[in-house]
């Protein structure tokens, strides 16, 4: 077992730009919030944007391809997904933690699978002590994970990733069918 802090190049959450919701823009740099982070997948629903000046102030929480996004507070604590590369550049707010694996030793998909397999443990950890559920940076850094060699990690998660891709395709297909059905039933 190895501590997560020894396997990552970044573990940290962001901040809400000054002015909160009122400071969000209709376009610009994406800011990922807890409502966007679902288990296994990212939701564009309610996606917010910030301008260049706000983005510069949050440069230290820039999201990179392959980052794992982990909700760290509230009702959605312990939900996790891979950062969507099609929405980069992006930042995260204070409710989302970037967990960036050192890709020389830790595969992103493997890390996501490990975190989601530990969900009950993370929920229990988040409930300890505070009045509201929260995972602290220290808690995340001290998560212990089994670390097979990189090629074995990829071998382990390959079937899970393939299944998740199929689920995503089926969900998108279902959404399209529902829109078509809804449109045809109103005519």
N, C-alpha and C. Protein backbone atom coordinates (compact mmCIF):
# COMPACT_ATOMS: atom_id res chain seq x y z
N UNK A 1 0.84 -1.18 0.00
CA UNK A 1 0.00 0.00 0.00
C UNK A 1 0.89 1.25 0.00
N UNK A 2 0.45 2.22 -0.79
CA UNK A 2 1.21 3.46 -0.93
C UNK A 2 0.28 4.64 -0.70
N UNK A 3 0.79 5.67 -0.04
CA UNK A 3 0.01 6.88 0.19
C UNK A 3 -0.19 7.62 -1.12
N UNK A 4 -1.39 8.13 -1.33
CA UNK A 4 -1.72 8.84 -2.56
C UNK A 4 -0.81 10.05 -2.77
N UNK A 5 -0.44 10.73 -1.69
CA UNK A 5 0.41 11.92 -1.84
C UNK A 5 1.76 11.58 -2.47
N UNK A 6 2.18 10.33 -2.37
CA UNK A 6 3.45 9.92 -2.96
C UNK A 6 3.31 9.50 -4.42
N UNK A 7 2.09 9.49 -4.91
CA UNK A 7 1.80 9.04 -6.27
C UNK A 7 1.21 10.13 -7.16
N UNK A 8 1.09 11.34 -6.61
CA UNK A 8 0.44 12.43 -7.34
C UNK A 8 1.36 13.64 -7.41
N UNK A 9 1.18 14.41 -8.48
CA UNK A 9 1.93 15.65 -8.63
C UNK A 9 1.11 16.85 -8.14
N UNK A 10 -0.19 16.63 -7.93
CA UNK A 10 -1.05 17.69 -7.39
C UNK A 10 -2.25 17.07 -6.70
N UNK A 11 -2.56 17.60 -5.53
CA UNK A 11 -3.81 17.32 -4.83
C UNK A 11 -4.22 18.66 -4.24
N UNK A 12 -5.30 19.23 -4.77
CA UNK A 12 -5.72 20.54 -4.27
C UNK A 12 -7.01 21.01 -4.87
N UNK A 13 -7.72 21.85 -4.11
CA UNK A 13 -9.01 22.39 -4.56
C UNK A 13 -8.84 23.85 -4.92
N UNK A 14 -9.89 24.40 -5.50
CA UNK A 14 -9.83 25.76 -6.00
C UNK A 14 -10.54 26.75 -5.11
N UNK A 15 -11.14 27.74 -5.76
CA UNK A 15 -11.85 28.80 -5.06
C UNK A 15 -12.94 29.34 -5.97
N UNK A 16 -13.93 29.95 -5.35
CA UNK A 16 -14.96 30.62 -6.13
C UNK A 16 -14.47 32.03 -6.40
N UNK A 17 -14.58 32.49 -7.64
CA UNK A 17 -14.15 33.86 -7.94
C UNK A 17 -14.89 34.88 -7.08
N UNK A 18 -14.24 36.00 -6.81
CA UNK A 18 -14.84 37.07 -6.03
C UNK A 18 -16.19 37.46 -6.64
N UNK A 19 -17.22 37.49 -5.82
CA UNK A 19 -18.57 37.81 -6.31
C UNK A 19 -19.44 36.58 -6.46
N UNK A 20 -18.86 35.39 -6.28
CA UNK A 20 -19.63 34.15 -6.34
C UNK A 20 -20.32 33.95 -7.67
N UNK A 21 -21.54 33.43 -7.62
CA UNK A 21 -22.31 33.13 -8.84
C UNK A 21 -22.46 34.33 -9.76
N UNK A 22 -22.57 35.52 -9.17
CA UNK A 22 -22.77 36.72 -9.98
C UNK A 22 -21.56 37.04 -10.85
N UNK A 23 -20.42 36.45 -10.53
CA UNK A 23 -19.21 36.73 -11.31
C UNK A 23 -19.04 35.78 -12.50
N UNK A 24 -19.90 34.78 -12.63
CA UNK A 24 -19.79 33.84 -13.74
C UNK A 24 -20.17 34.50 -15.05
N UNK A 25 -19.55 34.05 -16.11
CA UNK A 25 -19.76 34.59 -17.46
C UNK A 25 -20.48 33.57 -18.33
N UNK A 26 -20.91 33.99 -19.50
CA UNK A 26 -21.60 33.08 -20.43
C UNK A 26 -20.60 32.30 -21.29
N UNK A 27 -19.33 32.74 -21.29
CA UNK A 27 -18.27 32.03 -22.01
C UNK A 27 -16.94 32.39 -21.38
N UNK A 28 -15.91 31.68 -21.78
CA UNK A 28 -14.58 31.92 -21.23
C UNK A 28 -13.96 30.61 -20.77
N UNK A 29 -13.23 30.66 -19.68
CA UNK A 29 -12.60 29.48 -19.10
C UNK A 29 -13.63 28.74 -18.24
N UNK A 30 -13.75 27.44 -18.44
CA UNK A 30 -14.69 26.64 -17.64
C UNK A 30 -14.26 26.62 -16.19
N UNK A 31 -15.25 26.66 -15.29
CA UNK A 31 -14.97 26.43 -13.88
C UNK A 31 -15.85 25.26 -13.45
N UNK A 32 -15.19 24.18 -13.05
CA UNK A 32 -15.89 22.96 -12.68
C UNK A 32 -16.33 23.06 -11.23
N UNK A 33 -17.61 22.75 -11.02
CA UNK A 33 -18.19 22.81 -9.68
C UNK A 33 -18.70 21.42 -9.31
N UNK A 34 -19.06 21.25 -8.06
CA UNK A 34 -19.47 19.93 -7.58
C UNK A 34 -20.65 19.37 -8.36
N UNK A 35 -21.55 20.21 -8.82
CA UNK A 35 -22.70 19.72 -9.58
C UNK A 35 -22.31 19.10 -10.91
N UNK A 36 -21.11 19.42 -11.39
CA UNK A 36 -20.64 18.87 -12.66
C UNK A 36 -19.99 17.50 -12.51
N UNK A 37 -19.59 17.17 -11.28
CA UNK A 37 -18.85 15.94 -11.03
C UNK A 37 -19.82 14.85 -10.60
N UNK A 38 -19.95 13.84 -11.45
CA UNK A 38 -20.77 12.68 -11.14
C UNK A 38 -19.85 11.47 -11.07
N UNK A 39 -20.33 10.37 -10.55
CA UNK A 39 -19.50 9.17 -10.55
C UNK A 39 -19.29 8.71 -11.99
N UNK A 40 -18.04 8.58 -12.37
CA UNK A 40 -17.61 8.11 -13.68
C UNK A 40 -17.69 9.16 -14.78
N UNK A 41 -18.58 10.15 -14.64
CA UNK A 41 -18.76 11.06 -15.77
C UNK A 41 -18.92 12.50 -15.32
N UNK A 42 -18.69 13.38 -16.28
CA UNK A 42 -18.80 14.81 -16.07
C UNK A 42 -20.12 15.28 -16.68
N UNK A 43 -20.83 16.15 -15.99
CA UNK A 43 -22.08 16.70 -16.49
C UNK A 43 -21.87 18.17 -16.86
N UNK A 44 -22.28 18.54 -18.07
CA UNK A 44 -22.19 19.94 -18.50
C UNK A 44 -23.33 20.78 -17.91
N UNK A 45 -24.28 20.14 -17.29
CA UNK A 45 -25.42 20.86 -16.73
C UNK A 45 -24.95 21.90 -15.71
N UNK A 46 -25.30 23.14 -15.97
CA UNK A 46 -24.92 24.22 -15.05
C UNK A 46 -23.46 24.62 -15.14
N UNK A 47 -22.78 24.21 -16.20
CA UNK A 47 -21.36 24.56 -16.35
C UNK A 47 -21.21 26.08 -16.34
N UNK A 48 -20.28 26.56 -15.55
CA UNK A 48 -20.04 28.00 -15.43
C UNK A 48 -18.73 28.37 -16.10
N UNK A 49 -18.58 29.65 -16.37
CA UNK A 49 -17.37 30.16 -17.02
C UNK A 49 -16.88 31.39 -16.29
N UNK A 50 -15.57 31.64 -16.40
CA UNK A 50 -14.97 32.84 -15.83
C UNK A 50 -14.14 33.52 -16.90
N UNK A 51 -13.88 34.81 -16.71
CA UNK A 51 -13.12 35.55 -17.71
C UNK A 51 -11.61 35.34 -17.51
N UNK A 52 -10.82 35.90 -18.39
CA UNK A 52 -9.36 35.71 -18.37
C UNK A 52 -8.73 36.19 -17.08
N UNK A 53 -9.18 37.33 -16.56
CA UNK A 53 -8.59 37.86 -15.32
C UNK A 53 -8.89 36.91 -14.15
N UNK A 54 -10.13 36.44 -14.06
CA UNK A 54 -10.48 35.49 -13.00
C UNK A 54 -9.67 34.20 -13.16
N UNK A 55 -9.52 33.74 -14.39
CA UNK A 55 -8.77 32.51 -14.65
C UNK A 55 -7.32 32.64 -14.23
N UNK A 56 -6.72 33.82 -14.48
CA UNK A 56 -5.32 34.04 -14.06
C UNK A 56 -5.19 33.95 -12.55
N UNK A 57 -6.18 34.47 -11.83
CA UNK A 57 -6.14 34.42 -10.36
C UNK A 57 -6.25 32.99 -9.83
N UNK A 58 -6.84 32.10 -10.65
CA UNK A 58 -7.00 30.69 -10.25
C UNK A 58 -6.05 29.78 -11.04
N UNK A 59 -4.98 30.34 -11.54
CA UNK A 59 -4.02 29.57 -12.35
C UNK A 59 -3.49 28.34 -11.59
N UNK A 60 -3.37 28.44 -10.27
CA UNK A 60 -2.83 27.33 -9.48
C UNK A 60 -3.79 26.14 -9.40
N UNK A 61 -5.01 26.31 -9.87
CA UNK A 61 -5.97 25.20 -9.91
C UNK A 61 -6.43 24.93 -11.34
N UNK A 62 -5.48 25.03 -12.26
CA UNK A 62 -5.76 24.70 -13.66
C UNK A 62 -5.92 23.20 -13.79
N UNK A 63 -6.92 22.80 -14.52
CA UNK A 63 -7.19 21.38 -14.75
C UNK A 63 -6.42 20.94 -15.99
N UNK A 64 -5.84 19.76 -15.91
CA UNK A 64 -5.10 19.19 -17.03
C UNK A 64 -5.74 17.89 -17.48
N UNK A 65 -5.45 17.53 -18.71
CA UNK A 65 -5.96 16.27 -19.25
C UNK A 65 -5.48 15.12 -18.35
N UNK A 66 -6.41 14.22 -18.02
CA UNK A 66 -6.08 13.08 -17.17
C UNK A 66 -6.24 13.31 -15.69
N UNK A 67 -6.54 14.55 -15.29
CA UNK A 67 -6.78 14.83 -13.87
C UNK A 67 -8.05 14.12 -13.42
N UNK A 68 -8.05 13.68 -12.18
CA UNK A 68 -9.25 13.14 -11.56
C UNK A 68 -9.86 14.26 -10.74
N UNK A 69 -11.16 14.46 -10.90
CA UNK A 69 -11.89 15.49 -10.16
C UNK A 69 -12.68 14.79 -9.06
N UNK A 70 -12.50 15.23 -7.84
CA UNK A 70 -13.13 14.60 -6.67
C UNK A 70 -13.90 15.64 -5.88
N UNK A 71 -15.19 15.42 -5.70
CA UNK A 71 -15.99 16.32 -4.86
C UNK A 71 -15.58 16.13 -3.41
N UNK A 72 -15.38 17.24 -2.71
CA UNK A 72 -14.84 17.13 -1.36
C UNK A 72 -15.77 17.68 -0.28
N UNK A 73 -16.94 18.21 -0.66
CA UNK A 73 -17.84 18.74 0.36
C UNK A 73 -19.30 18.43 0.03
N UNK A 74 -20.13 18.48 1.06
CA UNK A 74 -21.57 18.43 0.90
C UNK A 74 -22.16 17.10 0.49
N UNK A 75 -23.36 17.18 -0.06
CA UNK A 75 -24.13 16.00 -0.44
C UNK A 75 -23.44 15.15 -1.51
N UNK A 76 -22.63 15.78 -2.34
CA UNK A 76 -22.00 15.07 -3.45
C UNK A 76 -20.57 14.63 -3.13
N UNK A 77 -20.19 14.69 -1.87
CA UNK A 77 -18.83 14.32 -1.47
C UNK A 77 -18.51 12.91 -1.96
N UNK A 78 -17.29 12.73 -2.42
CA UNK A 78 -16.74 11.45 -2.88
C UNK A 78 -17.15 11.06 -4.30
N UNK A 79 -17.92 11.91 -4.99
CA UNK A 79 -18.16 11.63 -6.41
C UNK A 79 -16.89 11.97 -7.17
N UNK A 80 -16.59 11.19 -8.21
CA UNK A 80 -15.34 11.40 -8.94
C UNK A 80 -15.50 11.07 -10.41
N UNK A 81 -14.74 11.80 -11.23
CA UNK A 81 -14.69 11.53 -12.67
C UNK A 81 -13.37 12.04 -13.23
N UNK A 82 -13.11 11.70 -14.46
CA UNK A 82 -11.93 12.20 -15.16
C UNK A 82 -12.28 13.55 -15.76
N UNK A 83 -11.34 14.48 -15.73
CA UNK A 83 -11.56 15.80 -16.32
C UNK A 83 -11.82 15.67 -17.81
N UNK A 84 -12.87 16.31 -18.30
CA UNK A 84 -13.18 16.24 -19.74
C UNK A 84 -12.23 17.15 -20.53
N UNK A 85 -11.42 16.56 -21.38
CA UNK A 85 -10.42 17.36 -22.10
C UNK A 85 -11.06 18.32 -23.10
N UNK A 86 -12.28 18.05 -23.54
CA UNK A 86 -12.93 18.95 -24.50
C UNK A 86 -13.41 20.26 -23.86
N UNK A 87 -13.34 20.38 -22.53
CA UNK A 87 -13.76 21.60 -21.86
C UNK A 87 -12.58 22.37 -21.25
N UNK A 88 -11.37 21.97 -21.61
CA UNK A 88 -10.19 22.68 -21.12
C UNK A 88 -9.92 23.87 -22.03
N UNK A 89 -9.38 24.96 -21.53
CA UNK A 89 -8.86 25.16 -20.19
C UNK A 89 -10.00 25.26 -19.16
N UNK A 90 -9.66 24.89 -17.94
CA UNK A 90 -10.65 24.91 -16.87
C UNK A 90 -9.97 25.11 -15.52
N UNK A 91 -10.78 25.51 -14.56
CA UNK A 91 -10.37 25.64 -13.17
C UNK A 91 -11.41 24.90 -12.34
N UNK A 92 -11.13 24.71 -11.04
CA UNK A 92 -12.10 24.11 -10.13
C UNK A 92 -12.41 25.09 -9.01
N UNK A 93 -13.61 24.96 -8.44
CA UNK A 93 -13.92 25.78 -7.29
C UNK A 93 -13.52 25.05 -6.01
N UNK A 94 -13.87 25.61 -4.86
CA UNK A 94 -13.39 25.07 -3.58
C UNK A 94 -14.06 23.75 -3.18
N UNK A 95 -15.08 23.33 -3.90
CA UNK A 95 -15.77 22.08 -3.59
C UNK A 95 -15.23 20.88 -4.38
N UNK A 96 -14.29 21.15 -5.27
CA UNK A 96 -13.74 20.11 -6.13
C UNK A 96 -12.22 20.06 -5.96
N UNK A 97 -11.71 18.86 -5.81
CA UNK A 97 -10.28 18.65 -5.66
C UNK A 97 -9.72 18.04 -6.94
N UNK A 98 -8.60 18.59 -7.39
CA UNK A 98 -7.85 18.01 -8.50
C UNK A 98 -6.91 16.97 -7.90
N UNK A 99 -6.99 15.74 -8.39
CA UNK A 99 -6.05 14.71 -7.99
C UNK A 99 -5.32 14.31 -9.28
N UNK A 100 -4.08 14.78 -9.39
CA UNK A 100 -3.30 14.59 -10.61
C UNK A 100 -2.26 13.50 -10.38
N UNK A 101 -2.49 12.32 -10.96
CA UNK A 101 -1.53 11.23 -10.76
C UNK A 101 -0.20 11.50 -11.46
N UNK A 102 0.86 11.04 -10.85
CA UNK A 102 2.17 11.03 -11.50
C UNK A 102 2.09 9.91 -12.53
N UNK A 103 1.94 10.28 -13.79
CA UNK A 103 1.66 9.30 -14.84
C UNK A 103 2.80 8.31 -15.07
N UNK A 104 3.95 8.55 -14.47
CA UNK A 104 5.06 7.59 -14.58
C UNK A 104 4.80 6.36 -13.71
N UNK A 105 3.92 6.52 -12.70
CA UNK A 105 3.66 5.39 -11.79
C UNK A 105 2.19 5.07 -11.56
N UNK A 106 1.30 6.01 -11.92
CA UNK A 106 -0.13 5.83 -11.61
C UNK A 106 -0.99 6.22 -12.80
N UNK A 107 -1.77 5.28 -13.29
CA UNK A 107 -2.68 5.50 -14.41
C UNK A 107 -3.93 6.24 -13.92
N UNK A 108 -4.38 7.23 -14.68
CA UNK A 108 -5.57 8.01 -14.30
C UNK A 108 -6.81 7.14 -14.16
N UNK A 109 -7.04 6.26 -15.12
CA UNK A 109 -8.22 5.39 -15.06
C UNK A 109 -8.16 4.47 -13.84
N UNK A 110 -6.98 3.97 -13.54
CA UNK A 110 -6.81 3.11 -12.37
C UNK A 110 -7.14 3.90 -11.10
N UNK A 111 -6.63 5.13 -11.02
CA UNK A 111 -6.89 5.95 -9.84
C UNK A 111 -8.38 6.22 -9.69
N UNK A 112 -9.05 6.55 -10.79
CA UNK A 112 -10.50 6.79 -10.73
C UNK A 112 -11.22 5.54 -10.21
N UNK A 113 -10.87 4.38 -10.75
CA UNK A 113 -11.51 3.13 -10.31
C UNK A 113 -11.26 2.87 -8.84
N UNK A 114 -10.05 3.13 -8.39
CA UNK A 114 -9.73 2.91 -6.97
C UNK A 114 -10.56 3.85 -6.10
N UNK A 115 -10.61 5.13 -6.46
CA UNK A 115 -11.37 6.09 -5.65
C UNK A 115 -12.86 5.73 -5.61
N UNK A 116 -13.41 5.34 -6.75
CA UNK A 116 -14.82 4.97 -6.77
C UNK A 116 -15.09 3.66 -6.03
N UNK A 117 -14.13 2.75 -6.05
CA UNK A 117 -14.30 1.50 -5.30
C UNK A 117 -14.22 1.74 -3.79
N UNK A 118 -13.63 2.85 -3.40
CA UNK A 118 -13.49 3.21 -1.98
C UNK A 118 -14.58 4.17 -1.52
N UNK A 119 -15.60 4.36 -2.33
CA UNK A 119 -16.59 5.40 -2.04
C UNK A 119 -17.16 5.32 -0.62
N UNK A 120 -17.53 4.14 -0.18
CA UNK A 120 -18.10 4.00 1.17
C UNK A 120 -17.09 4.42 2.23
N UNK A 121 -15.83 4.06 2.04
CA UNK A 121 -14.78 4.48 2.98
C UNK A 121 -14.62 5.99 2.96
N UNK A 122 -14.65 6.59 1.77
CA UNK A 122 -14.50 8.04 1.65
C UNK A 122 -15.68 8.75 2.30
N UNK A 123 -16.89 8.22 2.11
CA UNK A 123 -18.07 8.83 2.74
C UNK A 123 -17.97 8.76 4.27
N UNK A 124 -17.50 7.64 4.77
CA UNK A 124 -17.32 7.49 6.22
C UNK A 124 -16.26 8.47 6.73
N UNK A 125 -15.17 8.57 6.00
CA UNK A 125 -14.09 9.49 6.35
C UNK A 125 -14.61 10.94 6.34
N UNK A 126 -15.39 11.28 5.32
CA UNK A 126 -15.92 12.64 5.18
C UNK A 126 -16.89 13.00 6.29
N UNK A 127 -17.53 12.00 6.88
CA UNK A 127 -18.52 12.23 7.93
C UNK A 127 -17.89 12.36 9.31
N UNK A 128 -16.64 12.04 9.44
CA UNK A 128 -16.01 12.06 10.76
C UNK A 128 -15.68 13.47 11.19
N UNK A 129 -16.20 13.84 12.35
CA UNK A 129 -15.80 15.10 12.97
C UNK A 129 -16.63 16.32 12.64
N UNK A 130 -16.70 16.71 11.41
CA UNK A 130 -17.31 17.99 11.05
C UNK A 130 -18.84 17.93 11.06
N UNK A 131 -19.46 19.10 11.03
CA UNK A 131 -20.92 19.15 10.98
C UNK A 131 -21.44 18.90 9.57
N UNK A 132 -20.60 19.14 8.56
CA UNK A 132 -21.01 18.83 7.19
C UNK A 132 -19.96 17.91 6.59
N UNK A 133 -20.39 17.08 5.68
CA UNK A 133 -19.47 16.11 5.08
C UNK A 133 -18.38 16.84 4.30
N UNK A 134 -17.14 16.43 4.55
CA UNK A 134 -16.02 17.05 3.84
C UNK A 134 -14.80 16.13 3.88
N UNK A 135 -14.09 16.12 2.77
CA UNK A 135 -12.79 15.47 2.69
C UNK A 135 -11.74 16.58 2.65
N UNK A 136 -10.77 16.51 3.53
CA UNK A 136 -9.71 17.50 3.53
C UNK A 136 -8.55 17.04 2.65
N UNK A 137 -7.70 17.97 2.32
CA UNK A 137 -6.52 17.65 1.52
C UNK A 137 -5.70 16.57 2.22
N UNK A 138 -5.53 16.71 3.52
CA UNK A 138 -4.76 15.73 4.27
C UNK A 138 -5.38 14.34 4.21
N UNK A 139 -6.70 14.27 4.31
CA UNK A 139 -7.39 12.98 4.21
C UNK A 139 -7.11 12.33 2.86
N UNK A 140 -7.20 13.12 1.80
CA UNK A 140 -6.98 12.59 0.46
C UNK A 140 -5.53 12.16 0.28
N UNK A 141 -4.61 12.98 0.74
CA UNK A 141 -3.18 12.65 0.62
C UNK A 141 -2.84 11.35 1.33
N UNK A 142 -3.55 11.06 2.42
CA UNK A 142 -3.23 9.88 3.22
C UNK A 142 -4.04 8.63 2.85
N UNK A 143 -4.77 8.70 1.75
CA UNK A 143 -5.44 7.50 1.25
C UNK A 143 -4.36 6.52 0.81
N UNK A 144 -4.51 5.28 1.25
CA UNK A 144 -3.57 4.24 0.86
C UNK A 144 -4.17 3.42 -0.27
N UNK A 145 -3.38 3.21 -1.32
CA UNK A 145 -3.86 2.38 -2.42
C UNK A 145 -2.83 1.31 -2.77
N UNK A 146 -3.35 0.23 -3.29
CA UNK A 146 -2.51 -0.85 -3.79
C UNK A 146 -1.95 -0.38 -5.13
N UNK A 147 -0.67 -0.56 -5.36
CA UNK A 147 -0.05 -0.03 -6.57
C UNK A 147 0.70 -1.10 -7.35
N UNK A 148 -0.03 -1.79 -8.24
CA UNK A 148 0.68 -2.70 -9.14
C UNK A 148 1.48 -1.88 -10.16
N UNK A 149 2.32 -2.54 -10.93
CA UNK A 149 3.07 -1.82 -11.95
C UNK A 149 2.10 -1.22 -12.96
N UNK A 150 2.55 -0.19 -13.65
CA UNK A 150 1.69 0.57 -14.55
C UNK A 150 0.99 -0.30 -15.59
N UNK A 151 1.70 -1.22 -16.20
CA UNK A 151 1.07 -2.07 -17.22
C UNK A 151 -0.04 -2.93 -16.61
N UNK A 152 0.13 -3.38 -15.38
CA UNK A 152 -0.89 -4.18 -14.70
C UNK A 152 -2.10 -3.30 -14.35
N UNK A 153 -1.85 -2.04 -13.94
CA UNK A 153 -2.95 -1.12 -13.65
C UNK A 153 -3.86 -0.99 -14.88
N UNK A 154 -3.23 -0.77 -16.03
CA UNK A 154 -3.99 -0.60 -17.28
C UNK A 154 -4.75 -1.87 -17.63
N UNK A 155 -4.14 -2.99 -17.39
CA UNK A 155 -4.78 -4.28 -17.66
C UNK A 155 -6.00 -4.47 -16.75
N UNK A 156 -5.87 -4.09 -15.49
CA UNK A 156 -6.96 -4.23 -14.52
C UNK A 156 -8.16 -3.37 -14.91
N UNK A 157 -7.92 -2.13 -15.30
CA UNK A 157 -9.04 -1.21 -15.54
C UNK A 157 -9.58 -1.24 -16.97
N UNK A 158 -8.87 -1.86 -17.87
CA UNK A 158 -9.29 -1.87 -19.27
C UNK A 158 -10.73 -2.33 -19.46
N UNK A 159 -11.15 -3.46 -18.87
CA UNK A 159 -12.56 -3.88 -19.05
C UNK A 159 -13.55 -2.89 -18.43
N UNK A 160 -13.20 -2.31 -17.29
CA UNK A 160 -14.09 -1.36 -16.63
C UNK A 160 -14.26 -0.09 -17.46
N UNK A 161 -13.17 0.38 -18.03
CA UNK A 161 -13.22 1.58 -18.86
C UNK A 161 -14.05 1.30 -20.11
N UNK A 162 -13.88 0.13 -20.70
CA UNK A 162 -14.66 -0.24 -21.90
C UNK A 162 -16.15 -0.29 -21.58
N UNK A 163 -16.50 -0.87 -20.45
CA UNK A 163 -17.91 -0.94 -20.04
C UNK A 163 -18.45 0.47 -19.80
N UNK A 164 -17.68 1.31 -19.16
CA UNK A 164 -18.14 2.67 -18.89
C UNK A 164 -18.34 3.45 -20.19
N UNK A 165 -17.48 3.24 -21.17
CA UNK A 165 -17.66 3.89 -22.48
C UNK A 165 -18.96 3.43 -23.13
N UNK A 166 -19.25 2.14 -23.03
CA UNK A 166 -20.51 1.62 -23.59
C UNK A 166 -21.72 2.22 -22.88
N UNK A 167 -21.62 2.36 -21.56
CA UNK A 167 -22.71 2.98 -20.80
C UNK A 167 -22.91 4.42 -21.26
N UNK A 168 -21.82 5.14 -21.47
CA UNK A 168 -21.91 6.53 -21.94
C UNK A 168 -22.60 6.60 -23.30
N UNK A 169 -22.23 5.70 -24.21
CA UNK A 169 -22.85 5.66 -25.54
C UNK A 169 -24.35 5.36 -25.41
N UNK A 170 -24.69 4.39 -24.58
CA UNK A 170 -26.10 4.05 -24.38
C UNK A 170 -26.89 5.21 -23.77
N UNK A 171 -26.29 5.91 -22.82
CA UNK A 171 -26.96 7.06 -22.21
C UNK A 171 -27.20 8.17 -23.23
N UNK A 172 -26.18 8.44 -24.07
CA UNK A 172 -26.34 9.46 -25.11
C UNK A 172 -27.41 9.05 -26.12
N UNK A 173 -27.39 7.78 -26.52
CA UNK A 173 -28.38 7.27 -27.46
C UNK A 173 -29.78 7.38 -26.86
N UNK A 174 -29.91 7.01 -25.61
CA UNK A 174 -31.19 7.10 -24.92
C UNK A 174 -31.69 8.55 -24.87
N UNK A 175 -30.80 9.48 -24.58
CA UNK A 175 -31.19 10.89 -24.52
C UNK A 175 -31.69 11.38 -25.87
N UNK A 176 -31.02 10.97 -26.94
CA UNK A 176 -31.43 11.35 -28.29
C UNK A 176 -32.80 10.76 -28.60
N UNK A 177 -32.97 9.49 -28.28
CA UNK A 177 -34.27 8.82 -28.53
C UNK A 177 -35.39 9.49 -27.75
N UNK A 178 -35.11 9.87 -26.51
CA UNK A 178 -36.14 10.52 -25.69
C UNK A 178 -36.51 11.88 -26.28
N UNK A 179 -35.53 12.63 -26.78
CA UNK A 179 -35.83 13.92 -27.41
C UNK A 179 -36.68 13.71 -28.66
N UNK A 180 -36.31 12.71 -29.46
CA UNK A 180 -37.07 12.42 -30.69
C UNK A 180 -38.49 11.98 -30.34
N UNK A 181 -38.62 11.12 -29.36
CA UNK A 181 -39.94 10.63 -28.94
C UNK A 181 -40.79 11.79 -28.43
N UNK A 182 -40.16 12.65 -27.62
CA UNK A 182 -40.88 13.80 -27.05
C UNK A 182 -41.34 14.75 -28.17
N UNK A 183 -40.47 14.98 -29.15
CA UNK A 183 -40.82 15.87 -30.27
C UNK A 183 -41.94 15.28 -31.10
N UNK A 184 -41.88 13.97 -31.33
CA UNK A 184 -42.91 13.34 -32.17
C UNK A 184 -44.26 13.23 -31.45
N UNK A 185 -44.23 13.12 -30.14
CA UNK A 185 -45.49 12.99 -29.40
C UNK A 185 -46.20 14.34 -29.24
N UNK A 186 -45.50 15.44 -29.44
CA UNK A 186 -46.13 16.75 -29.34
C UNK A 186 -46.70 17.21 -30.67
N UNK A 187 -46.37 16.48 -31.73
CA UNK A 187 -46.87 16.85 -33.08
C UNK A 187 -48.17 16.17 -33.40
